[in-house]
Amino acid sequence: MPTASGHTTAIAASRVIGAMVLTTSGEEFGKIGDVVLDKTADRILFAVVARSGALTVTNNYYPVPWSMLDFDEAREAYVMPCTAEDFVDAPAAPNPFDLTVDDGQPACEAVRQHFKAG
């Protein structure tokens, strides 16, 4: 069954991991490095976006609510409705596994509050 934007609702994680992530303006932000799942609730907590570009070596893995990512077939990339500047104070970690501490709940809540995502 397609989503509101016309995409199918099911996708293999192997097709998501490594996909490019762009900002609304089309700027390359990074790539999806992982997807964190809540296996007891059968849901995606967030995507882990590995930042490319001019950030420092630390704090370059960002949890991004799955609901903020929309796949653009023409660009073959996920697009976020925000800019790179929106991530200046966003929750981040130097290691993607740090985002799964305490079952990923602190990272999940922090990023949802930061982006006011549902």
C-alpha atoms as a PDB file:
ATOM      1  CA  MET A   1       0.000   0.000   0.000  1.00  0.00           C
ATOM      2  CA  PRO A   2       1.496   3.377  -0.972  1.00  0.00           C
ATOM      3  CA  THR A   3       2.128   6.224   1.482  1.00  0.00           C
ATOM      4  CA  ALA A   4       0.686   9.725   1.035  1.00  0.00           C
ATOM      5  CA  SER A   5       3.673  10.606  -1.150  1.00  0.00           C
ATOM      6  CA  GLY A   6       3.126   7.511  -3.306  1.00  0.00           C
ATOM      7  CA  HIS A   7       5.846   5.281  -1.875  1.00  0.00           C
ATOM      8  CA  THR A   8       5.319   1.741  -0.704  1.00  0.00           C
ATOM      9  CA  THR A   9       5.130   1.232   3.046  1.00  0.00           C
ATOM     10  CA  ALA A  10       7.562  -1.695   3.171  1.00  0.00           C
ATOM     11  CA  ILE A  11      11.280  -1.417   2.454  1.00  0.00           C
ATOM     12  CA  ALA A  12      14.269  -3.612   3.221  1.00  0.00           C
ATOM     13  CA  ALA A  13      16.780  -2.082   5.643  1.00  0.00           C
ATOM     14  CA  SER A  14      19.571  -2.963   3.224  1.00  0.00           C
ATOM     15  CA  ARG A  15      18.044  -0.497   0.729  1.00  0.00           C
ATOM     16  CA  VAL A  16      17.901   2.252   3.344  1.00  0.00           C
ATOM     17  CA  ILE A  17      21.358   1.920   4.904  1.00  0.00           C
ATOM     18  CA  GLY A  18      23.879   3.841   2.853  1.00  0.00           C
ATOM     19  CA  ALA A  19      21.257   6.003   1.160  1.00  0.00           C
ATOM     20  CA  MET A  20      22.120   9.670   0.725  1.00  0.00           C
ATOM     21  CA  VAL A  21      20.325  12.236   2.918  1.00  0.00           C
ATOM     22  CA  LEU A  22      19.722  15.743   1.592  1.00  0.00           C
ATOM     23  CA  THR A  23      18.399  18.922   3.175  1.00  0.00           C
ATOM     24  CA  THR A  24      15.366  20.686   1.737  1.00  0.00           C
ATOM     25  CA  SER A  25      17.656  22.873  -0.383  1.00  0.00           C
ATOM     26  CA  GLY A  26      19.279  19.773  -1.873  1.00  0.00           C
ATOM     27  CA  GLU A  27      22.492  20.075   0.135  1.00  0.00           C
ATOM     28  CA  GLU A  28      24.142  16.723   0.842  1.00  0.00           C
ATOM     29  CA  PHE A  29      23.913  16.215   4.606  1.00  0.00           C
ATOM     30  CA  GLY A  30      25.137  12.628   4.994  1.00  0.00           C
ATOM     31  CA  LYS A  31      24.104   9.015   4.615  1.00  0.00           C
ATOM     32  CA  ILE A  32      21.875   6.704   6.585  1.00  0.00           C
ATOM     33  CA  GLY A  33      24.306   4.673   8.620  1.00  0.00           C
ATOM     34  CA  ASP A  34      21.788   2.593  10.515  1.00  0.00           C
ATOM     35  CA  VAL A  35      18.166   2.259  11.566  1.00  0.00           C
ATOM     36  CA  VAL A  36      17.341   1.821  15.266  1.00  0.00           C
ATOM     37  CA  LEU A  37      14.380  -0.432  15.931  1.00  0.00           C
ATOM     38  CA  ASP A  38      12.219  -0.953  18.992  1.00  0.00           C
ATOM     39  CA  LYS A  39      11.775  -4.669  18.540  1.00  0.00           C
ATOM     40  CA  THR A  40       9.241  -5.004  21.355  1.00  0.00           C
ATOM     41  CA  ALA A  41       6.968  -2.343  19.872  1.00  0.00           C
ATOM     42  CA  ASP A  42       7.540  -3.295  16.218  1.00  0.00           C
ATOM     43  CA  ARG A  43       8.504   0.223  15.198  1.00  0.00           C
ATOM     44  CA  ILE A  44      11.428   2.317  13.978  1.00  0.00           C
ATOM     45  CA  LEU A  45      12.803   4.613  16.685  1.00  0.00           C
ATOM     46  CA  PHE A  46      14.935   6.675  14.305  1.00  0.00           C
ATOM     47  CA  ALA A  47      17.406   6.584  11.457  1.00  0.00           C
ATOM     48  CA  VAL A  48      21.054   7.235  12.276  1.00  0.00           C
ATOM     49  CA  VAL A  49      22.466   9.740   9.804  1.00  0.00           C
ATOM     50  CA  ALA A  50      26.241   9.836   9.463  1.00  0.00           C
ATOM     51  CA  ARG A  51      27.150  13.426   8.699  1.00  0.00           C
ATOM     52  CA  SER A  52      29.432  14.217   5.815  1.00  0.00           C
ATOM     53  CA  GLY A  53      31.163  17.514   5.320  1.00  0.00           C
ATOM     54  CA  ALA A  54      32.765  20.022   7.622  1.00  0.00           C
ATOM     55  CA  LEU A  55      31.755  18.788  11.070  1.00  0.00           C
ATOM     56  CA  THR A  56      34.395  17.618  13.516  1.00  0.00           C
ATOM     57  CA  VAL A  57      35.207  13.958  13.980  1.00  0.00           C
ATOM     58  CA  THR A  58      33.101  13.797  17.157  1.00  0.00           C
ATOM     59  CA  ASN A  59      29.322  14.036  17.311  1.00  0.00           C
ATOM     60  CA  ASN A  60      28.765  13.148  13.706  1.00  0.00           C
ATOM     61  CA  TYR A  61      25.973  10.586  14.071  1.00  0.00           C
ATOM     62  CA  TYR A  62      22.514  12.104  14.295  1.00  0.00           C
ATOM     63  CA  PRO A  63      19.280  10.362  15.235  1.00  0.00           C
ATOM     64  CA  VAL A  64      16.610  11.538  12.799  1.00  0.00           C
ATOM     65  CA  PRO A  65      12.933  10.654  13.229  1.00  0.00           C
ATOM     66  CA  TRP A  66      11.914   8.300  10.444  1.00  0.00           C
ATOM     67  CA  SER A  67       8.866  10.491   9.821  1.00  0.00           C
ATOM     68  CA  MET A  68      11.187  13.344   8.746  1.00  0.00           C
ATOM     69  CA  LEU A  69      12.705  11.375   5.867  1.00  0.00           C
ATOM     70  CA  ASP A  70      10.980  11.237   2.501  1.00  0.00           C
ATOM     71  CA  PHE A  71      12.539   9.356  -0.410  1.00  0.00           C
ATOM     72  CA  ASP A  72      12.969  11.386  -3.591  1.00  0.00           C
ATOM     73  CA  GLU A  73      13.181   8.925  -6.478  1.00  0.00           C
ATOM     74  CA  ALA A  74      14.538  11.494  -8.930  1.00  0.00           C
ATOM     75  CA  ARG A  75      17.504  12.275  -6.654  1.00  0.00           C
ATOM     76  CA  GLU A  76      17.724   8.716  -5.301  1.00  0.00           C
ATOM     77  CA  ALA A  77      18.041  10.145  -1.791  1.00  0.00           C
ATOM     78  CA  TYR A  78      16.083  10.821   1.362  1.00  0.00           C
ATOM     79  CA  VAL A  79      15.165  14.468   1.889  1.00  0.00           C
ATOM     80  CA  MET A  80      14.705  16.078   5.307  1.00  0.00           C
ATOM     81  CA  PRO A  81      12.475  19.161   5.738  1.00  0.00           C
ATOM     82  CA  CYS A  82      15.284  21.146   7.388  1.00  0.00           C
ATOM     83  CA  THR A  83      18.696  22.701   6.845  1.00  0.00           C
ATOM     84  CA  ALA A  84      22.150  21.744   8.078  1.00  0.00           C
ATOM     85  CA  GLU A  85      21.939  24.686  10.496  1.00  0.00           C
ATOM     86  CA  ASP A  86      18.994  22.979  12.206  1.00  0.00           C
ATOM     87  CA  PHE A  87      21.472  20.341  13.376  1.00  0.00           C
ATOM     88  CA  VAL A  88      23.909  22.708  15.119  1.00  0.00           C
ATOM     89  CA  ASP A  89      22.391  21.963  18.546  1.00  0.00           C
ATOM     90  CA  ALA A  90      20.736  18.676  17.592  1.00  0.00           C
ATOM     91  CA  PRO A  91      21.361  15.509  19.610  1.00  0.00           C
ATOM     92  CA  ALA A  92      24.364  13.628  18.247  1.00  0.00           C
ATOM     93  CA  ALA A  93      26.932  11.035  19.217  1.00  0.00           C
ATOM     94  CA  PRO A  94      30.511  10.192  18.221  1.00  0.00           C
ATOM     95  CA  ASN A  95      29.503   6.536  17.835  1.00  0.00           C
ATOM     96  CA  PRO A  96      26.173   5.281  16.458  1.00  0.00           C
ATOM     97  CA  PHE A  97      25.938   2.661  19.212  1.00  0.00           C
ATOM     98  CA  ASP A  98      25.883   5.461  21.818  1.00  0.00           C
ATOM     99  CA  LEU A  99      22.433   6.338  20.489  1.00  0.00           C
ATOM    100  CA  THR A 100      21.076   2.966  21.648  1.00  0.00           C
ATOM    101  CA  VAL A 101      21.958   3.447  25.338  1.00  0.00           C
ATOM    102  CA  ASP A 102      18.913   2.795  27.555  1.00  0.00           C
ATOM    103  CA  ASP A 103      17.114   1.179  24.632  1.00  0.00           C
ATOM    104  CA  GLY A 104      17.533   4.326  22.525  1.00  0.00           C
ATOM    105  CA  GLN A 105      14.842   6.185  24.438  1.00  0.00           C
ATOM    106  CA  PRO A 106      16.954   9.223  25.500  1.00  0.00           C
ATOM    107  CA  ALA A 107      18.125   9.804  21.914  1.00  0.00           C
ATOM    108  CA  CYS A 108      14.618   9.245  20.578  1.00  0.00           C
ATOM    109  CA  GLU A 109      13.023  11.724  22.973  1.00  0.00           C
ATOM    110  CA  ALA A 110      15.795  14.320  22.553  1.00  0.00           C
ATOM    111  CA  VAL A 111      15.561  14.316  18.769  1.00  0.00           C
ATOM    112  CA  ARG A 112      11.756  14.417  18.773  1.00  0.00           C
ATOM    113  CA  GLN A 113      11.851  17.434  21.079  1.00  0.00           C
ATOM    114  CA  HIS A 114      14.557  19.119  19.044  1.00  0.00           C
ATOM    115  CA  PHE A 115      12.638  18.764  15.781  1.00  0.00           C
ATOM    116  CA  LYS A 116       9.141  18.800  17.319  1.00  0.00           C
ATOM    117  CA  ALA A 117       8.485  15.539  15.477  1.00  0.00           C
ATOM    118  CA  GLY A 118       5.700  13.154  16.395  1.00  0.00           C
END
